[in-house]
Protein backbone atom coordinates (compact mmCIF):
# COMPACT_ATOMS: atom_id res chain seq x y z
CA MET A 1 10.11 -5.50 -12.72
CA VAL A 2 11.71 -3.65 -9.63
CA VAL A 3 9.68 -1.92 -7.29
CA HIS A 4 10.62 0.41 -4.53
CA ARG A 5 9.35 0.83 -0.97
CA GLY A 6 7.23 3.78 -0.71
CA GLU A 7 5.86 3.56 -4.45
CA VAL A 8 2.07 3.69 -5.00
CA TRP A 9 1.07 1.22 -7.94
CA TRP A 10 -2.18 0.35 -9.35
CA ALA A 11 -2.81 -3.23 -8.68
CA ASP A 12 -5.42 -5.57 -10.11
CA LEU A 13 -6.50 -7.74 -7.16
CA GLY A 14 -9.25 -9.62 -8.87
CA GLU A 15 -12.72 -10.61 -7.39
CA PRO A 16 -12.71 -9.88 -3.50
CA ASP A 17 -13.02 -12.85 -1.23
CA GLY A 18 -14.93 -12.22 2.02
CA SER A 19 -13.19 -9.19 3.49
CA GLU A 20 -10.18 -9.30 1.38
CA PRO A 21 -9.50 -6.26 -0.95
CA GLY A 22 -10.02 -6.71 -4.50
CA PHE A 23 -10.81 -4.78 -7.93
CA ARG A 24 -8.25 -2.61 -9.30
CA ARG A 25 -6.93 -0.34 -6.56
CA PRO A 26 -3.93 1.40 -5.35
CA VAL A 27 -1.42 -0.13 -3.15
CA LEU A 28 1.68 1.14 -1.21
CA ILE A 29 4.72 -0.94 -1.44
CA VAL A 30 6.17 -1.62 2.14
CA GLN A 31 8.59 -4.16 1.59
CA ASN A 32 12.47 -3.67 2.18
CA ASP A 33 14.29 -2.73 -1.00
CA ALA A 34 16.72 -5.61 -0.67
CA PHE A 35 13.74 -8.03 -1.09
CA ASN A 36 12.19 -5.78 -3.94
CA ARG A 37 15.56 -6.25 -5.92
CA SER A 38 15.55 -10.17 -5.31
CA ARG A 39 13.92 -12.75 -7.57
CA LEU A 40 11.03 -12.98 -5.28
CA ARG A 41 7.90 -12.62 -7.58
CA THR A 42 5.86 -11.08 -4.74
CA VAL A 43 5.94 -7.81 -2.76
CA LEU A 44 4.41 -6.81 0.25
CA ALA A 45 1.96 -3.94 0.05
CA VAL A 46 -0.45 -2.01 2.29
CA VAL A 47 -4.06 -1.44 0.70
CA LEU A 48 -5.18 2.12 -0.03
CA THR A 49 -8.62 3.00 0.01
CA THR A 50 -10.72 6.32 -0.58
CA ASN A 51 -13.12 5.35 2.28
CA LEU A 52 -11.92 8.38 4.59
CA ARG A 53 -14.25 7.05 7.44
CA ILE A 54 -11.50 4.75 8.49
CA VAL A 55 -8.81 7.31 8.97
CA ASP A 56 -9.15 7.31 12.63
CA ALA A 57 -8.78 3.58 13.05
CA PRO A 58 -5.47 3.04 15.23
CA GLY A 59 -2.47 3.11 12.62
CA ASN A 60 -4.24 4.03 9.68
CA VAL A 61 -2.38 7.05 7.62
CA LEU A 62 -4.25 9.68 5.65
CA ILE A 63 -2.36 9.88 2.20
CA PRO A 64 -3.07 13.06 0.41
CA ALA A 65 -3.90 12.54 -3.33
CA LYS A 66 -1.00 14.94 -4.20
CA ALA A 67 1.43 13.26 -2.28
CA ALA A 68 0.75 9.74 -3.78
CA GLY A 69 0.23 10.63 -7.63
CA LEU A 70 -3.69 9.82 -6.98
CA THR A 71 -6.84 11.68 -7.78
CA LYS A 72 -8.40 11.17 -4.83
CA ASP A 73 -7.24 11.34 -0.99
CA SER A 74 -6.85 7.82 0.37
CA VAL A 75 -6.18 5.90 3.66
CA ALA A 76 -3.36 3.67 4.10
CA ASN A 77 -5.31 0.72 5.89
CA VAL A 78 -2.38 -1.00 7.81
CA THR A 79 -4.75 -3.78 9.01
CA GLN A 80 -4.72 -4.94 5.01
CA VAL A 81 -1.18 -5.91 4.37
CA ILE A 82 -1.36 -7.95 1.04
CA THR A 83 1.19 -10.11 -1.04
CA VAL A 84 0.93 -9.15 -4.55
CA ASP A 85 2.54 -11.07 -7.39
CA ARG A 86 4.48 -8.37 -9.40
CA GLU A 87 2.52 -9.10 -12.79
CA PHE A 88 -0.35 -7.76 -10.92
CA LEU A 89 1.11 -4.38 -10.68
CA THR A 90 -0.06 -2.51 -13.58
CA GLU A 91 0.77 1.28 -13.15
CA LEU A 92 3.11 3.30 -11.22
CA ALA A 93 1.00 6.25 -9.85
CA GLY A 94 3.59 7.88 -7.48
CA HIS A 95 5.51 7.85 -4.27
CA VAL A 96 4.82 8.25 -0.49
CA ARG A 97 7.90 9.60 1.29
CA GLY A 98 9.34 11.22 4.52
CA GLN A 99 7.02 11.51 7.35
CA LEU A 100 4.19 9.99 5.71
CA LEU A 101 6.00 6.56 5.05
CA LYS A 102 7.10 6.83 8.42
CA ASP A 103 3.73 7.25 9.89
CA VAL A 104 2.71 3.97 7.82
CA ASP A 105 5.80 2.17 9.31
CA ASN A 106 4.54 3.21 12.88
CA GLY A 107 0.98 1.97 11.92
CA LEU A 108 2.35 -1.43 10.71
CA ARG A 109 4.42 -1.69 13.92
CA LEU A 110 1.15 -1.22 15.91
CA VAL A 111 -0.81 -3.69 14.05
CA LEU A 112 1.82 -6.34 13.86
CA GLY A 113 2.96 -5.82 17.65
CA LEU A 114 6.58 -5.01 16.54
């Protein structure tokens, strides 16, 4: 399965462990498409959450439902960058493009110190 940077997928993350994200939730693919086209079975993604209270945390980005193919507004939580096996990506929800994706990139730069 080929995924593309900026796509929002529903992912089955299983039972959470500690503060790690879990359950079925949307994730935003942030990995470069050159790697997405490779034989790697995993992709890098940012967890989306409907907990809008964290939108003001440094680097986080509000993702309007309509922009991502979701039913609720969400927040791209840039402190939760995860590696997901492609087999756990279950359904394509939509795409994040343009300035919203650039804002997520900037949030990742901030949190990763790049």
